[in-house]
Amino acid sequence: MRVLEDTDRDGRYDKSTLFAEGLKFPTGLLTWRDGVIVTVAPEILFLRNTDDDGVADERRVLFSSFVEGNQQLRVNGLRWGLNN
């Protein structure tokens, strides 16, 4: 997972930082508090950068045991919807 930045404010990113590596197949992302929540079956992770170097150095499993099967049916979308 990468963070893309537009440091010269021209509307195009010109800096890319590898925020988290080794994620098998991330399907959802939500910024939350001072980090991000990522759905990457079989887990939902909380990733945070604690030393301001742009790289996630804290990785915490929030929930686990989700199905890893069909990509279309994996845990994703971190928003509460009408279908719960």
Protein backbone atom coordinates (compact mmCIF):
# COMPACT_ATOMS: atom_id res chain seq x y z
CA MET A 1 0.00 0.00 0.00
CA ARG A 2 1.44 3.37 -1.02
CA VAL A 3 0.85 6.98 -0.03
CA LEU A 4 0.91 9.31 -3.03
CA GLU A 5 1.65 13.02 -2.48
CA ASP A 6 1.54 16.13 -4.61
CA THR A 7 4.36 18.15 -3.02
CA ASP A 8 4.49 20.91 -5.67
CA ARG A 9 0.69 21.33 -5.85
CA ASP A 10 0.38 20.90 -9.61
CA GLY A 11 -2.45 18.35 -9.39
CA ARG A 12 -0.22 15.30 -10.00
CA TYR A 13 1.54 13.19 -7.45
CA ASP A 14 5.30 13.41 -7.47
CA LYS A 15 6.17 11.48 -4.31
CA SER A 16 5.35 7.86 -3.51
CA THR A 17 6.02 6.19 -0.14
CA LEU A 18 5.52 2.50 0.62
CA PHE A 19 3.28 2.76 3.69
CA ALA A 20 2.68 -0.96 4.29
CA GLU A 21 4.03 -4.02 2.53
CA GLY A 22 3.12 -7.69 2.68
CA LEU A 23 -0.65 -7.17 2.47
CA LYS A 24 -2.01 -10.08 0.43
CA PHE A 25 -5.05 -8.49 -1.21
CA PRO A 26 -6.33 -5.31 0.48
CA THR A 27 -9.94 -4.64 -0.53
CA GLY A 28 -10.99 -1.72 1.67
CA LEU A 29 -9.42 1.29 3.33
CA LEU A 30 -10.72 3.81 5.84
CA THR A 31 -8.74 6.59 7.50
CA TRP A 32 -9.47 6.43 11.20
CA ARG A 33 -8.09 8.53 14.03
CA ASP A 34 -4.32 8.66 13.49
CA GLY A 35 -4.05 5.68 11.13
CA VAL A 36 -5.96 3.56 8.64
CA ILE A 37 -8.18 0.50 8.88
CA VAL A 38 -7.56 -1.98 6.07
CA THR A 39 -9.61 -5.04 5.11
CA VAL A 40 -7.22 -7.77 4.04
CA ALA A 41 -8.88 -11.16 4.46
CA PRO A 42 -8.76 -13.03 6.73
CA GLU A 43 -8.23 -9.91 8.90
CA ILE A 44 -9.16 -6.30 9.42
CA LEU A 45 -6.02 -4.38 10.40
CA PHE A 46 -5.25 -1.03 11.98
CA LEU A 47 -2.04 0.49 10.58
CA ARG A 48 -0.35 3.56 11.99
CA ASN A 49 2.81 5.55 11.44
CA THR A 50 4.16 6.56 14.87
CA ASP A 51 7.51 8.17 13.93
CA ASP A 52 6.46 10.38 10.97
CA ASP A 53 8.61 8.61 8.37
CA GLY A 54 5.59 7.75 6.18
CA VAL A 55 5.83 4.00 6.88
CA ALA A 56 3.37 2.05 9.05
CA ASP A 57 5.29 0.80 12.06
CA GLU A 58 2.25 -0.28 14.08
CA ARG A 59 0.08 -3.12 12.78
CA ARG A 60 -2.78 -4.34 14.96
CA VAL A 61 -5.36 -7.03 14.10
CA LEU A 62 -8.84 -5.71 14.97
CA PHE A 63 -10.89 -8.67 13.69
CA SER A 64 -10.00 -11.98 12.10
CA SER A 65 -11.44 -15.21 10.66
CA PHE A 66 -12.97 -13.73 7.51
CA VAL A 67 -13.23 -15.93 4.41
CA GLU A 68 -10.35 -15.69 1.91
CA GLY A 69 -12.18 -17.37 -0.99
CA ASN A 70 -13.73 -15.58 -3.96
CA GLN A 71 -12.33 -12.02 -4.27
CA GLN A 72 -15.80 -10.63 -4.98
CA LEU A 73 -17.11 -11.92 -1.66
CA ARG A 74 -14.23 -10.91 0.63
CA VAL A 75 -14.62 -8.51 3.51
CA ASN A 76 -14.37 -4.95 2.16
CA GLY A 77 -16.28 -1.62 2.26
CA LEU A 78 -15.81 -0.20 5.75
CA ARG A 79 -19.10 1.73 5.79
CA TRP A 80 -22.31 0.76 7.52
CA GLY A 81 -24.86 0.12 4.78
CA LEU A 82 -28.53 -0.71 4.49
CA ASN A 83 -27.68 -4.42 4.35
CA ASN A 84 -25.76 -4.22 7.67
